[in-house]
Protein backbone atom coordinates (compact mmCIF):
# COMPACT_ATOMS: atom_id res chain seq x y z
CA UNK A 1 -46.88 -120.34 -50.35
CA UNK A 2 -44.26 -122.49 -48.59
CA UNK A 3 -44.80 -120.66 -45.31
CA UNK A 4 -48.56 -121.18 -45.55
CA UNK A 5 -48.03 -124.89 -46.16
CA UNK A 6 -45.69 -125.18 -43.17
CA UNK A 7 -48.10 -123.28 -40.92
CA UNK A 8 -50.99 -125.46 -42.06
CA UNK A 9 -48.94 -128.60 -41.43
CA UNK A 10 -47.97 -127.32 -37.98
CA UNK A 11 -51.61 -126.57 -37.15
CA UNK A 12 -52.65 -130.07 -38.21
CA UNK A 13 -49.92 -131.64 -36.11
CA UNK A 14 -50.88 -129.50 -33.14
CA UNK A 15 -54.54 -130.37 -33.62
CA UNK A 16 -53.66 -134.08 -33.67
CA UNK A 17 -51.60 -133.70 -30.50
CA UNK A 18 -54.42 -131.90 -28.68
CA UNK A 19 -56.96 -134.49 -29.81
CA UNK A 20 -54.71 -137.31 -28.62
CA UNK A 21 -54.24 -135.66 -25.23
CA UNK A 22 -57.99 -135.20 -24.91
CA UNK A 23 -58.66 -138.85 -25.80
CA UNK A 24 -56.01 -140.01 -23.32
CA UNK A 25 -57.56 -137.88 -20.58
CA UNK A 26 -61.01 -139.31 -21.31
CA UNK A 27 -59.65 -142.87 -21.30
CA UNK A 28 -57.90 -142.25 -17.97
CA UNK A 29 -61.12 -140.87 -16.52
CA UNK A 30 -63.12 -143.92 -17.69
CA UNK A 31 -60.48 -146.26 -16.27
CA UNK A 32 -60.58 -144.48 -12.91
CA UNK A 33 -64.39 -144.67 -12.84
CA UNK A 34 -64.34 -148.39 -13.67
CA UNK A 35 -61.73 -149.03 -11.00
CA UNK A 36 -63.80 -147.14 -8.43
CA UNK A 37 -66.91 -149.14 -9.36
CA UNK A 38 -64.98 -152.41 -9.02
CA UNK A 39 -63.68 -151.39 -5.60
CA UNK A 40 -67.20 -150.40 -4.50
CA UNK A 41 -68.54 -153.78 -5.59
CA UNK A 42 -65.73 -155.60 -3.85
CA UNK A 43 -66.48 -153.73 -0.62
CA UNK A 44 -70.20 -154.31 -0.99
CA UNK A 45 -69.82 -158.03 -1.69
CA UNK A 46 -66.95 -158.55 0.71
CA UNK A 47 -64.88 -160.45 -1.85
CA UNK A 48 -62.24 -159.47 -4.37
CA UNK A 49 -62.03 -160.13 -8.08
CA UNK A 50 -59.04 -162.39 -7.40
CA UNK A 51 -61.16 -164.47 -5.01
CA UNK A 52 -63.84 -164.85 -7.67
CA UNK A 53 -61.23 -165.78 -10.26
CA UNK A 54 -59.74 -168.41 -7.96
CA UNK A 55 -63.19 -169.88 -7.30
CA UNK A 56 -63.93 -170.07 -11.02
CA UNK A 57 -60.57 -171.74 -11.69
CA UNK A 58 -61.19 -174.33 -8.97
CA UNK A 59 -64.70 -174.98 -10.23
CA UNK A 60 -63.42 -175.51 -13.78
CA UNK A 61 -60.61 -177.78 -12.56
CA UNK A 62 -63.06 -179.87 -10.53
CA UNK A 63 -65.80 -180.00 -13.17
CA UNK A 64 -66.94 -183.60 -13.64
CA UNK A 65 -69.29 -183.09 -16.56
CA UNK A 66 -68.57 -184.51 -20.00
CA UNK A 67 -68.74 -181.22 -21.87
CA UNK A 68 -67.59 -177.76 -20.90
CA UNK A 69 -70.15 -176.06 -18.63
CA UNK A 70 -71.91 -172.81 -19.43
CA UNK A 71 -70.85 -169.74 -17.47
CA UNK A 72 -74.07 -169.85 -15.45
CA UNK A 73 -73.47 -173.46 -14.46
CA UNK A 74 -69.83 -172.75 -13.73
CA UNK A 75 -70.74 -169.75 -11.56
CA UNK A 76 -73.20 -171.85 -9.56
CA UNK A 77 -70.54 -174.54 -9.14
CA UNK A 78 -67.93 -171.90 -8.15
CA UNK A 79 -70.17 -170.57 -5.37
CA UNK A 80 -69.19 -173.49 -3.16
CA UNK A 81 -65.54 -172.35 -3.26
CA UNK A 82 -66.22 -168.84 -1.99
């Protein structure tokens, strides 16, 4: 009885380890795909994500409106800094 319990516990632990490894592999694959897509877009557009971020920061810093702008308005305003 005790041996069966230990074997069952070992199998459950092993199953959890294998599942975790599988999930980590899938997450790594998704991350690599997302990174590749980002790089493709950067090449296609000719600008980097950092450049876009800087433009958005400058647009927000220079915003003269009374209330906070919507993202669409802010993106249009940021276009002049690209």
